[in-house]
Amino acid sequence: MSKQIAAWPFGDRFVERRLRRTVDTLARLRSELAVVDEQLAHVEDEAHDMEIRALVSETALASFEHRDAERSRAVVARQRQHLLGQIADLERMQNDLLDRIAPRG
């Protein structure tokens, strides 16, 4: 005969605390993502301007500035992708935690 083990009384409180931390972290990361999105728009515009300048002037300095702007754009784009990955992971964690505290039966 198998016995069903009752959930510990502090189990739900632990899950709720983790859920609150997850929600707070999600809010912080989404705010950070908004800032990174603005930065990305700026560096993309700058990279585009530098590309045009490099094409028009055909100088080594303009080409260098364009490559430098493209590197900056790539760094910010990677940072954005990293944030999106963190947000997706936390959203999955949030869903799992919500499933744990959902009414059973």
Protein backbone atom coordinates (compact mmCIF):
# COMPACT_ATOMS: atom_id res chain seq x y z
CA MET A 1 0.00 0.00 0.00
CA SER A 2 1.52 3.32 -1.04
CA LYS A 3 1.19 6.39 1.09
CA GLN A 4 0.82 9.83 -0.35
CA ILE A 5 3.20 12.22 1.32
CA ALA A 6 1.61 15.52 2.26
CA ALA A 7 3.32 18.67 1.08
CA TRP A 8 5.32 20.44 3.75
CA PRO A 9 3.52 23.51 5.06
CA PHE A 10 6.40 25.81 4.12
CA GLY A 11 6.66 24.40 0.59
CA ASP A 12 4.19 26.81 -0.94
CA ARG A 13 5.74 29.76 0.87
CA PHE A 14 9.14 28.82 -0.53
CA VAL A 15 7.68 28.60 -4.04
CA GLU A 16 5.86 31.92 -3.61
CA ARG A 17 9.09 33.58 -2.45
CA ARG A 18 10.95 32.19 -5.47
CA LEU A 19 8.10 33.36 -7.68
CA ARG A 20 8.32 36.90 -6.27
CA ARG A 21 12.09 36.95 -6.87
CA THR A 22 11.57 35.66 -10.39
CA VAL A 23 8.96 38.35 -11.11
CA ASP A 24 11.28 41.05 -9.75
CA THR A 25 14.18 39.77 -11.83
CA LEU A 26 12.00 39.61 -14.94
CA ALA A 27 10.96 43.22 -14.43
CA ARG A 28 14.59 44.29 -14.02
CA LEU A 29 15.70 42.36 -17.13
CA ARG A 30 12.83 43.76 -19.22
CA SER A 31 13.80 47.26 -18.14
CA GLU A 32 17.41 46.52 -19.05
CA LEU A 33 16.24 45.15 -22.40
CA ALA A 34 14.44 48.43 -23.14
CA VAL A 35 17.69 50.33 -22.53
CA VAL A 36 19.67 47.89 -24.69
CA ASP A 37 17.08 48.22 -27.47
CA GLU A 38 17.62 52.00 -27.44
CA GLN A 39 21.39 51.52 -27.47
CA LEU A 40 21.11 49.07 -30.35
CA ALA A 41 19.03 51.49 -32.39
CA HIS A 42 21.66 54.18 -31.80
CA VAL A 43 24.68 52.02 -32.69
CA GLU A 44 22.89 50.62 -35.75
CA ASP A 45 22.27 54.17 -36.98
CA GLU A 46 25.88 55.07 -36.28
CA ALA A 47 27.16 51.95 -38.07
CA HIS A 48 24.97 52.76 -41.07
CA ASP A 49 26.26 56.36 -41.15
CA MET A 50 29.85 55.13 -40.92
CA GLU A 51 29.24 52.64 -43.73
CA ILE A 52 27.98 55.42 -46.01
CA ARG A 53 30.92 57.63 -45.02
CA ALA A 54 33.35 54.80 -45.77
CA LEU A 55 31.78 54.20 -49.19
CA VAL A 56 31.80 57.87 -50.12
CA SER A 57 35.22 58.87 -48.80
CA GLU A 58 37.07 55.62 -49.53
CA THR A 59 39.69 56.41 -46.90
CA ALA A 60 41.37 54.03 -44.49
CA LEU A 61 40.17 56.07 -41.51
CA ALA A 62 36.54 55.93 -42.65
CA SER A 63 36.82 52.18 -43.18
CA PHE A 64 38.31 51.77 -39.71
CA GLU A 65 35.52 53.84 -38.16
CA HIS A 66 32.94 51.73 -39.99
CA ARG A 67 34.48 48.46 -38.75
CA ASP A 68 34.64 49.86 -35.22
CA ALA A 69 30.98 50.89 -35.36
CA GLU A 70 30.03 47.43 -36.67
CA ARG A 71 31.91 45.80 -33.79
CA SER A 72 30.03 47.99 -31.33
CA ARG A 73 26.74 47.06 -32.98
CA ALA A 74 27.60 43.36 -32.76
CA VAL A 75 28.44 43.64 -29.05
CA VAL A 76 25.15 45.34 -28.23
CA ALA A 77 23.23 42.83 -30.39
CA ARG A 78 24.86 39.93 -28.50
CA GLN A 79 23.99 41.59 -25.21
CA ARG A 80 20.38 41.88 -26.37
CA GLN A 81 20.27 38.19 -27.36
CA HIS A 82 21.71 37.23 -23.98
CA LEU A 83 19.01 39.23 -22.19
CA LEU A 84 16.30 37.65 -24.34
CA GLY A 85 17.62 34.22 -23.41
CA GLN A 86 17.64 35.08 -19.71
CA ILE A 87 14.09 36.42 -19.95
CA ALA A 88 12.89 33.27 -21.72
CA ASP A 89 14.53 31.08 -19.05
CA LEU A 90 12.93 33.06 -16.24
CA GLU A 91 9.53 32.98 -17.94
CA ARG A 92 9.78 29.17 -18.07
CA MET A 93 10.79 29.12 -14.42
CA GLN A 94 7.88 31.40 -13.58
CA ASN A 95 5.46 29.07 -15.36
CA ASP A 96 6.88 26.07 -13.50
CA LEU A 97 6.51 27.85 -10.18
CA LEU A 98 2.96 28.88 -11.00
CA ASP A 99 2.17 25.26 -11.85
CA ARG A 100 3.49 24.23 -8.43
CA ILE A 101 1.17 26.55 -6.53
CA ALA A 102 -1.87 26.07 -8.75
CA PRO A 103 -4.78 24.44 -6.95
CA ARG A 104 -4.59 20.68 -7.15
CA GLY A 105 -7.45 18.31 -7.71
